[in-house]
Amino acid sequence: MWNGDLPQAKQILATGFTVNAALVGVDGAAVQGAPGVADWVALLRKALGEPVFTVEVGPIIDGNPALRPLAPPRPVRRRNARRNCRPG
């Protein structure tokens, strides 16, 4: 779902699912159900430039793996870079 397969939300989220988080620009309690979560993820993906997420596994401690989602870093846009250049 996080990689853009938004219809998958209906298959993986429970009916009545509610996001309980402090969200910037969105009331977290207003993000409810598969359609609400899919809309929220679409909004995030658009704002982040359509990132592709992967999962990193490890370390495994006492049989419990630590998982974390990873997205590639976004390129840094430098504004007015030429303005600071001085000839020879």
Foldseek 3Di string as FASTA:
>chain_A
DLLLPLVCLQVPDDAFDFQDDDDPPDDRRVQTGSVSVSVVSVVVCVVVVNWGKDKDWDDQDPNRIDIDIDTDDDDDDDPPPVVPDDDD
